[in-house]
Amino acid sequence: MLGSRALFVFIATAVLACATLTATGSTPAFAQDACTINADPASLQSDINRAGAGSVICMAPGVYRGPIQINARSGLTLRGAGHKVSIVAGGTSDALLIFNSRDITLEDFTLYVGNPAGSYVWRSQNVVFRRMDAGGGGVGIHYDVVSSGRISDSFIYAMTGDGVLIRNKSTVNVERNWIFNNGGVGVSTVGESTATIITRNIISDNEGPGVFAGQTPCALLPPGFVEVPDCYLVNLDSFVGSANVVLDTNVIQYSNSTGIVLFPGTTTTMKNNRIWFNHLSGLFVWGATMSSNGDEYVANDEHAIEMRAYPDPLKYGQVGPRYPVRAVGVIQNNIVRDTVVLPETGTLGGGVLGQGANLTVKNSRIYSNRGIGVSYVNTSLGEISGNEIYDNRGSAICLHLAGDVRISNNQIRNNINNTIGICHETTP
């Protein structure tokens, strides 16, 4: 049986899904360009190969064996008869491959069990997936090598790897999708990207983080510890990327890992997101830059938000003049509440933690967390102002080995210790 908090999240998620997702298995009600080519499973590949700009290929019901290839095409629409009605199935191959093409629209069909991907997009521009159903296989939809496009109003689920993977200077909008129950990351932007804009999605129940941005990790970071695996120290530059990410009005919940992970070099703008019930921290910012405005962090494990220097804040003077790279962030107008202890250690459970960070926390409500409300430690510096910090089961504001921290106009009450600067943290 669902507990009261889980039931609330389930209902809220369902309401948001109804409000934001338009993907259905039926024929869309809005006006569409007329079909110019009618395809069946036997003819589809040859129909694509002969299609010119402006062609609309309509797929009859049936199973189309992949890999279907769209190569060097322009201005092409491939339209199915509905989810699980027209099915492009990969099995031991990719279901759909798109190479060296532009202005391609895929809509209203299912990508089923594509390996390594449901669809792989390479050196192609303005490739649009809309009202799609991608289930099973390796990666759901993979944009690679200076590709661009949009994924909207679709369902991407039950992959063994990432739901959406964006790599190698690709630019993608991900909007109004339900991305869930994948074995890797919900939405992953890896390496360098011009921009990844993630808007009004439900990203839920993925084994990895809900959202990841940065270079590919060499190892997972151990929860509850500052020290990193030695593989990062071998070549610190190789884990610094340049991804730019916007996260706007998403629900990111129930990850079996951190809700959002930002690796070194990433720049991210967040607003109006709901980051709920993730197994590790809601947001982990590692040597990256971010702003979080109007976001809500509820019932995450370990910390709601952690800002940490790369490779770690204890390495000053030990890893060369370029490192550590500080985390930089502004947290404002947020709600941070009900963080719980890290199950593996039975400790932590704080609201906002800065470790080697240049951090501003202002005009936010930080309350009912299991540990400390706000912590600036290990050379963190910045501003804490205009917040309500109350009912936390640790200190209100902890300062430990911190730099210059300006503290003003906060309302502090009913914490385990209300004295500014004291670092008192209770455990179960």
Protein backbone atom coordinates (compact mmCIF):
# COMPACT_ATOMS: atom_id res chain seq x y z
CA MET A 1 0.00 0.00 0.00
CA LEU A 2 1.23 3.49 -0.77
CA GLY A 3 2.12 5.68 2.18
CA SER A 4 0.51 9.11 2.44
CA ARG A 5 3.49 10.99 0.99
CA ALA A 6 3.98 8.48 -1.83
CA LEU A 7 0.25 8.58 -2.60
CA PHE A 8 0.36 12.38 -2.75
CA VAL A 9 3.27 12.26 -5.20
CA PHE A 10 1.53 9.60 -7.30
CA ILE A 11 -1.64 11.71 -7.57
CA ALA A 12 0.31 14.90 -8.28
CA THR A 13 2.34 13.13 -10.94
CA ALA A 14 -0.77 11.78 -12.60
CA VAL A 15 -2.35 15.23 -12.65
CA LEU A 16 0.77 16.77 -14.15
CA ALA A 17 0.97 13.98 -16.70
CA CYS A 18 -2.57 14.64 -17.83
CA ALA A 19 -1.86 18.35 -18.01
CA THR A 20 1.42 18.15 -19.92
CA LEU A 21 1.45 15.00 -22.03
CA THR A 22 -0.53 14.80 -25.23
CA ALA A 23 0.91 11.49 -26.41
CA THR A 24 -1.79 8.92 -27.15
CA GLY A 25 -2.15 5.76 -29.13
CA SER A 26 -4.92 7.19 -31.30
CA THR A 27 -4.82 9.33 -34.41
CA PRO A 28 -4.15 12.97 -33.42
CA ALA A 29 -7.09 15.34 -33.73
CA PHE A 30 -5.14 18.32 -35.08
CA ALA A 31 -4.52 19.13 -38.72
CA GLN A 32 -1.66 17.29 -40.43
CA ASP A 33 -0.08 17.31 -43.83
CA ALA A 34 -1.67 14.70 -46.06
CA CYS A 35 0.10 11.43 -46.71
CA THR A 36 2.04 11.42 -49.97
CA ILE A 37 3.32 7.83 -49.67
CA ASN A 38 1.60 4.86 -48.01
CA ALA A 39 4.03 2.27 -46.71
CA ASP A 40 3.75 -1.27 -45.39
CA PRO A 41 6.44 -3.41 -43.74
CA ALA A 42 7.65 -4.73 -47.09
CA SER A 43 7.95 -1.33 -48.78
CA LEU A 44 8.98 1.15 -46.05
CA GLN A 45 12.75 1.20 -46.62
CA SER A 46 12.43 1.63 -50.39
CA ASP A 47 9.75 4.30 -49.83
CA ILE A 48 12.17 6.24 -47.60
CA ASN A 49 15.01 5.87 -50.11
CA ARG A 50 12.95 7.42 -52.93
CA ALA A 51 11.20 10.11 -50.86
CA GLY A 52 11.92 13.71 -51.73
CA ALA A 53 11.62 16.88 -49.67
CA GLY A 54 8.09 17.41 -48.40
CA SER A 55 7.21 13.71 -48.46
CA VAL A 56 4.88 12.38 -45.75
CA ILE A 57 5.20 8.60 -45.45
CA CYS A 58 2.29 7.02 -43.59
CA MET A 59 2.93 3.59 -42.12
CA ALA A 60 0.19 0.97 -42.14
CA PRO A 61 -0.39 -1.05 -38.97
CA GLY A 62 2.19 -3.76 -38.53
CA VAL A 63 5.68 -4.63 -37.35
CA TYR A 64 8.56 -3.09 -39.29
CA ARG A 65 11.87 -4.87 -38.72
CA GLY A 66 14.81 -2.61 -38.03
CA PRO A 67 17.18 -1.15 -38.64
CA ILE A 68 15.09 1.22 -40.74
CA GLN A 69 17.48 3.85 -42.17
CA ILE A 70 16.94 7.48 -43.07
CA ASN A 71 20.15 8.54 -44.79
CA ALA A 72 20.83 11.85 -46.56
CA ARG A 73 17.15 12.80 -46.60
CA SER A 74 15.64 16.27 -46.10
CA GLY A 75 12.13 17.47 -45.28
CA LEU A 76 10.72 14.01 -44.59
CA THR A 77 7.90 12.99 -42.22
CA LEU A 78 7.49 9.38 -41.10
CA ARG A 79 4.08 8.89 -39.48
CA GLY A 80 2.66 5.80 -37.85
CA ALA A 81 -0.91 4.70 -37.28
CA GLY A 82 -0.54 4.95 -33.49
CA HIS A 83 1.36 3.56 -30.53
CA LYS A 84 1.70 -0.22 -30.64
CA VAL A 85 -0.14 -0.16 -33.96
CA SER A 86 2.80 0.74 -36.19
CA ILE A 87 5.89 -0.78 -34.54
CA VAL A 88 9.51 -0.42 -35.62
CA ALA A 89 11.29 -3.27 -33.85
CA GLY A 90 15.03 -3.57 -33.45
CA GLY A 91 15.72 -6.76 -31.55
CA THR A 92 19.46 -7.27 -32.03
CA SER A 93 19.83 -4.02 -34.00
CA ASP A 94 18.86 -0.37 -33.71
CA ALA A 95 15.21 0.12 -34.59
CA LEU A 96 15.67 3.42 -36.50
CA LEU A 97 18.88 5.03 -37.81
CA ILE A 98 19.09 8.63 -39.03
CA PHE A 99 22.30 9.77 -40.74
CA ASN A 100 23.33 12.99 -42.50
CA SER A 101 19.78 14.27 -42.72
CA ARG A 102 17.83 17.36 -41.80
CA ASP A 103 14.25 18.45 -41.08
CA ILE A 104 13.06 14.93 -40.27
CA THR A 105 9.85 14.37 -38.28
CA LEU A 106 8.98 11.03 -36.64
CA GLU A 107 5.52 10.73 -35.10
CA ASP A 108 2.81 8.42 -33.80
CA PHE A 109 4.52 5.02 -33.76
CA THR A 110 6.40 2.69 -31.40
CA LEU A 111 10.13 2.06 -31.25
CA TYR A 112 10.46 -1.38 -29.71
CA VAL A 113 13.55 -3.11 -28.27
CA GLY A 114 16.22 -1.30 -30.24
CA ASN A 115 19.80 -2.35 -29.44
CA PRO A 116 21.92 -0.42 -28.91
CA ALA A 117 19.18 2.24 -29.40
CA GLY A 118 15.54 2.69 -30.26
CA SER A 119 16.71 5.48 -32.54
CA TYR A 120 20.25 6.71 -33.23
CA VAL A 121 20.68 10.17 -34.80
CA TRP A 122 24.12 11.04 -36.29
CA ARG A 123 25.19 14.31 -37.92
CA SER A 124 21.58 15.30 -38.54
CA GLN A 125 19.78 18.56 -37.86
CA ASN A 126 16.24 19.31 -36.73
CA VAL A 127 15.25 15.70 -36.13
CA VAL A 128 11.92 15.80 -34.28
CA PHE A 129 10.32 12.93 -32.37
CA ARG A 130 6.76 13.66 -31.28
CA ARG A 131 4.00 11.54 -29.81
CA MET A 132 6.33 8.55 -29.82
CA ASP A 133 6.37 5.39 -27.72
CA ALA A 134 9.84 3.96 -27.10
CA GLY A 135 9.94 0.85 -24.93
CA GLY A 136 12.66 -1.65 -24.11
CA GLY A 137 16.09 -2.03 -25.63
CA GLY A 138 19.36 -0.28 -24.83
CA VAL A 139 19.08 3.52 -25.11
CA GLY A 140 15.73 5.08 -25.98
CA ILE A 141 16.71 7.99 -28.28
CA HIS A 142 20.37 8.89 -28.88
CA TYR A 143 21.52 12.12 -30.57
CA ASP A 144 25.22 12.10 -31.46
CA VAL A 145 27.89 14.21 -33.23
CA VAL A 146 26.60 17.77 -33.81
CA SER A 147 22.99 16.68 -34.21
CA SER A 148 19.98 18.74 -33.18
CA GLY A 149 16.29 18.24 -32.65
CA ARG A 150 13.37 17.88 -30.30
CA ILE A 151 11.63 15.09 -28.37
CA SER A 152 8.10 15.98 -27.28
CA ASP A 153 4.89 14.44 -25.94
CA SER A 154 6.38 10.94 -25.87
CA PHE A 155 6.86 7.95 -23.57
CA ILE A 156 10.37 6.53 -23.12
CA TYR A 157 10.64 3.63 -20.71
CA ALA A 158 12.10 0.24 -19.74
CA MET A 159 15.50 0.76 -21.37
CA THR A 160 18.49 -1.06 -19.96
CA GLY A 161 20.50 2.15 -20.45
CA ASP A 162 19.56 5.83 -20.63
CA GLY A 163 16.15 7.02 -21.72
CA VAL A 164 17.55 9.96 -23.71
CA LEU A 165 21.28 10.30 -24.48
CA ILE A 166 22.70 13.51 -26.01
CA ARG A 167 26.41 13.53 -26.95
CA ASN A 168 29.19 15.30 -28.79
CA LYS A 169 28.03 18.89 -29.30
CA SER A 170 24.42 17.99 -30.00
CA THR A 171 21.55 20.37 -29.17
CA VAL A 172 18.19 18.95 -28.12
CA ASN A 173 14.91 20.13 -26.57
CA VAL A 174 13.23 17.51 -24.38
CA GLU A 175 9.70 18.61 -23.54
CA ARG A 176 6.45 17.21 -22.13
CA ASN A 177 7.62 13.58 -22.03
CA TRP A 178 7.25 10.80 -19.51
CA ILE A 179 10.68 9.16 -19.09
CA PHE A 180 10.55 6.34 -16.57
CA ASN A 181 11.79 2.95 -15.39
CA ASN A 182 15.01 3.06 -17.36
CA GLY A 183 18.12 1.22 -16.19
CA GLY A 184 20.42 4.22 -16.65
CA VAL A 185 19.87 7.98 -16.57
CA GLY A 186 16.53 9.50 -17.50
CA VAL A 187 18.05 12.30 -19.62
CA SER A 188 21.85 12.35 -20.07
CA THR A 189 23.82 15.06 -21.84
CA VAL A 190 27.42 13.96 -22.12
CA GLY A 191 30.58 15.88 -22.98
CA GLU A 192 30.06 19.17 -24.77
CA SER A 193 26.63 20.37 -25.86
CA THR A 194 25.45 23.69 -27.23
CA ALA A 195 22.24 23.48 -25.20
CA THR A 196 19.96 20.87 -23.68
CA ILE A 197 16.57 22.29 -22.72
CA ILE A 198 14.48 19.98 -20.52
CA THR A 199 10.96 21.32 -19.98
CA ARG A 200 7.75 19.98 -18.41
CA ASN A 201 8.75 16.33 -18.27
CA ILE A 202 8.07 13.65 -15.71
CA ILE A 203 11.35 11.82 -15.12
CA SER A 204 10.65 9.03 -12.68
CA ASP A 205 11.89 5.73 -11.25
CA ASN A 206 15.13 5.52 -13.22
CA GLU A 207 18.02 3.47 -11.82
CA GLY A 208 20.56 6.23 -12.46
CA PRO A 209 20.11 9.96 -11.90
CA GLY A 210 17.02 11.58 -13.33
CA VAL A 211 19.24 14.06 -15.21
CA PHE A 212 23.01 13.95 -15.76
CA ALA A 213 25.18 16.58 -17.45
CA GLY A 214 28.94 16.33 -17.89
CA GLN A 215 31.73 14.06 -19.02
CA THR A 216 31.30 10.32 -18.60
CA PRO A 217 32.31 9.26 -15.05
CA CYS A 218 35.15 6.79 -14.55
CA ALA A 219 33.45 5.49 -11.39
CA LEU A 220 30.48 6.26 -9.18
CA LEU A 221 31.14 8.65 -6.32
CA PRO A 222 30.71 6.97 -2.93
CA PRO A 223 27.69 8.43 -1.10
CA GLY A 224 28.42 10.17 2.16
CA PHE A 225 32.13 10.79 1.45
CA VAL A 226 34.08 13.73 0.06
CA GLU A 227 37.03 11.74 -1.29
CA VAL A 228 36.70 10.58 -4.89
CA PRO A 229 37.92 7.36 -6.55
CA ASP A 230 41.54 7.59 -7.69
CA CYS A 231 40.62 7.25 -11.37
CA TYR A 232 39.47 10.90 -11.40
CA LEU A 233 42.87 12.07 -10.17
CA VAL A 234 44.79 10.41 -13.01
CA ASN A 235 43.62 13.03 -15.56
CA LEU A 236 41.52 15.74 -13.95
CA ASP A 237 41.00 17.63 -17.24
CA SER A 238 39.26 14.67 -18.89
CA PHE A 239 36.23 14.96 -16.57
CA VAL A 240 35.60 18.66 -17.23
CA GLY A 241 32.95 19.27 -19.90
CA SER A 242 31.06 22.28 -21.17
CA ALA A 243 27.40 21.28 -21.27
CA ASN A 244 24.72 23.98 -21.01
CA VAL A 245 21.41 22.81 -19.55
CA VAL A 246 18.05 24.41 -18.79
CA LEU A 247 15.63 22.58 -16.47
CA ASP A 248 12.18 24.19 -16.36
CA THR A 249 9.02 22.88 -14.64
CA ASN A 250 9.91 19.19 -14.49
CA VAL A 251 9.07 16.50 -11.95
CA ILE A 252 12.22 14.50 -11.19
CA GLN A 253 11.45 11.79 -8.68
CA TYR A 254 12.15 8.33 -7.28
CA SER A 255 15.57 7.94 -8.92
CA ASN A 256 17.56 5.08 -7.42
CA SER A 257 20.38 7.62 -7.35
CA THR A 258 20.67 11.41 -7.26
CA GLY A 259 17.85 13.42 -8.82
CA ILE A 260 20.15 15.73 -10.82
CA VAL A 261 23.94 15.43 -11.26
CA LEU A 262 26.00 18.28 -12.73
CA PHE A 263 29.63 17.38 -13.42
CA PRO A 264 32.55 19.80 -13.70
CA GLY A 265 32.29 22.53 -16.31
CA THR A 266 28.53 22.31 -16.67
CA THR A 267 26.36 25.44 -16.56
CA THR A 268 22.72 24.91 -15.61
CA THR A 269 19.67 27.12 -15.08
CA MET A 270 16.82 25.62 -13.06
CA LYS A 271 13.38 26.98 -12.28
CA ASN A 272 10.05 25.67 -11.03
CA ASN A 273 11.11 22.02 -10.83
CA ARG A 274 9.85 19.44 -8.34
CA ILE A 275 12.69 17.20 -7.17
CA TRP A 276 11.15 14.56 -4.95
CA PHE A 277 11.97 11.27 -3.17
CA ASN A 278 15.30 10.50 -4.84
CA HIS A 279 17.47 7.84 -3.21
CA LEU A 280 20.50 10.14 -2.97
CA SER A 281 20.69 13.95 -2.96
CA GLY A 282 18.13 15.89 -4.91
CA LEU A 283 20.80 17.98 -6.66
CA PHE A 284 24.57 17.33 -6.73
CA VAL A 285 26.71 20.11 -8.25
CA TRP A 286 30.35 19.09 -8.66
CA GLY A 287 32.67 21.83 -9.89
CA ALA A 288 29.76 23.20 -11.95
CA THR A 289 27.79 26.45 -12.08
CA MET A 290 24.05 26.59 -11.52
CA SER A 291 21.11 28.73 -10.47
CA SER A 292 17.99 27.30 -8.84
CA ASN A 293 14.95 29.57 -8.62
CA GLY A 294 11.51 28.48 -7.44
CA ASP A 295 12.41 24.78 -7.24
CA GLU A 296 11.07 22.39 -4.63
CA TYR A 297 13.20 19.67 -3.01
CA VAL A 298 11.20 17.17 -0.97
CA ALA A 299 12.19 13.97 0.88
CA ASN A 300 15.46 13.26 -0.89
CA ASP A 301 18.16 11.17 0.84
CA GLU A 302 21.54 12.49 2.05
CA HIS A 303 21.03 16.20 1.17
CA ALA A 304 18.52 18.23 -0.77
CA ILE A 305 21.34 20.18 -2.48
CA GLU A 306 25.09 19.63 -2.33
CA MET A 307 27.59 22.01 -3.96
CA ARG A 308 31.10 20.51 -4.01
CA ALA A 309 34.49 21.53 -5.40
CA TYR A 310 36.11 19.25 -7.98
CA PRO A 311 37.84 16.89 -7.34
CA ASP A 312 37.14 17.50 -3.66
CA PRO A 313 37.39 20.45 -1.27
CA LEU A 314 40.18 18.82 0.73
CA LYS A 315 42.63 18.78 -2.19
CA TYR A 316 43.67 22.46 -2.13
CA GLY A 317 47.41 22.66 -2.74
CA GLN A 318 47.61 18.96 -3.63
CA VAL A 319 46.47 18.67 -7.25
CA GLY A 320 48.08 21.58 -9.07
CA PRO A 321 47.17 25.26 -9.48
CA ARG A 322 44.10 24.68 -11.70
CA TYR A 323 42.31 22.53 -9.16
CA PRO A 324 40.10 22.23 -7.25
CA VAL A 325 37.41 23.91 -9.36
CA ARG A 326 34.81 25.44 -7.06
CA ALA A 327 31.09 24.87 -7.37
CA VAL A 328 29.24 28.14 -7.97
CA GLY A 329 25.54 28.64 -7.38
CA VAL A 330 22.56 30.77 -6.45
CA ILE A 331 19.64 29.14 -4.63
CA GLN A 332 16.65 31.43 -4.25
CA ASN A 333 12.90 31.24 -3.69
CA ASN A 334 13.16 27.49 -3.12
CA ILE A 335 11.43 25.06 -0.79
CA VAL A 336 13.82 22.55 0.81
CA ARG A 337 12.14 20.12 3.19
CA ASP A 338 11.90 16.63 4.63
CA THR A 339 15.34 15.43 3.56
CA VAL A 340 16.05 12.08 5.24
CA VAL A 341 19.22 10.34 6.36
CA LEU A 342 21.38 8.42 3.92
CA PRO A 343 20.31 4.78 4.45
CA GLU A 344 23.82 3.40 3.87
CA THR A 345 25.30 5.44 6.73
CA GLY A 346 22.34 6.53 8.86
CA THR A 347 23.73 10.08 8.82
CA LEU A 348 23.40 13.43 7.03
CA GLY A 349 19.88 14.36 5.89
CA GLY A 350 20.62 18.07 5.55
CA GLY A 351 19.03 20.80 3.49
CA VAL A 352 21.76 22.75 1.64
CA LEU A 353 25.46 21.83 1.85
CA GLY A 354 28.33 23.82 0.37
CA GLN A 355 31.78 22.19 0.29
CA GLY A 356 34.32 24.34 -1.49
CA ALA A 357 31.49 26.37 -3.01
CA ASN A 358 30.80 30.00 -3.86
CA LEU A 359 27.18 29.92 -2.85
CA THR A 360 24.25 32.25 -2.27
CA VAL A 361 21.15 30.95 -0.46
CA LYS A 362 18.35 33.50 -0.18
CA ASN A 363 14.60 33.95 0.16
CA SER A 364 14.00 30.22 0.61
CA ARG A 365 12.14 28.04 3.12
CA ILE A 366 14.36 25.31 4.57
CA TYR A 367 12.52 23.19 7.10
CA SER A 368 11.78 19.78 8.60
CA ASN A 369 14.99 18.27 7.34
CA ARG A 370 16.52 15.40 9.30
CA GLY A 371 19.91 17.12 9.60
CA ILE A 372 21.32 20.66 9.39
CA GLY A 373 19.40 23.33 7.53
CA VAL A 374 22.29 25.10 5.74
CA SER A 375 26.00 24.15 5.95
CA TYR A 376 28.98 26.10 4.60
CA VAL A 377 32.10 23.98 5.16
CA ASN A 378 35.61 23.42 3.79
CA THR A 379 36.26 26.97 2.44
CA SER A 380 32.70 27.63 1.24
CA LEU A 381 31.81 31.30 1.14
CA GLY A 382 28.98 33.57 0.03
CA GLU A 383 25.64 34.75 1.38
CA ILE A 384 22.76 33.35 3.46
CA SER A 385 19.97 35.92 3.63
CA GLY A 386 16.22 36.34 3.82
CA ASN A 387 15.49 32.66 4.47
CA GLU A 388 13.11 30.88 6.84
CA ILE A 389 15.07 28.06 8.48
CA TYR A 390 13.01 26.09 10.96
CA ASP A 391 12.09 22.72 12.45
CA ASN A 392 15.30 21.04 11.28
CA ARG A 393 16.68 18.22 13.44
CA GLY A 394 20.18 19.64 13.22
CA SER A 395 21.53 23.18 13.53
CA ALA A 396 20.00 25.99 11.53
CA ILE A 397 23.24 27.31 9.97
CA CYS A 398 26.55 25.43 10.25
CA LEU A 399 29.87 27.14 9.50
CA HIS A 400 32.97 24.95 9.62
CA LEU A 401 36.30 25.92 8.08
CA ALA A 402 34.27 28.34 5.98
CA GLY A 403 35.38 31.49 4.18
CA ASP A 404 33.61 34.86 4.25
CA VAL A 405 29.89 34.13 4.71
CA ARG A 406 27.47 37.08 4.95
CA ILE A 407 24.42 36.18 7.03
CA SER A 408 21.44 38.52 7.39
CA ASN A 409 17.67 38.79 7.78
CA ASN A 410 16.96 35.08 8.27
CA GLN A 411 14.03 33.82 10.35
CA ILE A 412 15.42 30.98 12.46
CA ARG A 413 13.31 28.93 14.90
CA ASN A 414 12.73 25.49 16.37
CA ASN A 415 15.89 23.86 15.04
CA ILE A 416 17.90 21.52 17.24
CA ASN A 417 20.25 24.50 17.67
CA ASN A 418 19.41 28.01 16.47
CA THR A 419 22.86 29.53 17.13
CA ILE A 420 24.41 30.64 13.85
CA GLY A 421 27.66 28.83 13.16
CA ILE A 422 27.06 25.80 15.37
CA CYS A 423 27.32 22.46 13.58
CA HIS A 424 25.15 20.02 15.49
CA GLU A 425 23.69 17.10 13.58
CA THR A 426 21.55 14.37 15.06
CA THR A 427 21.35 10.83 13.76
CA PRO A 428 18.73 8.15 14.37
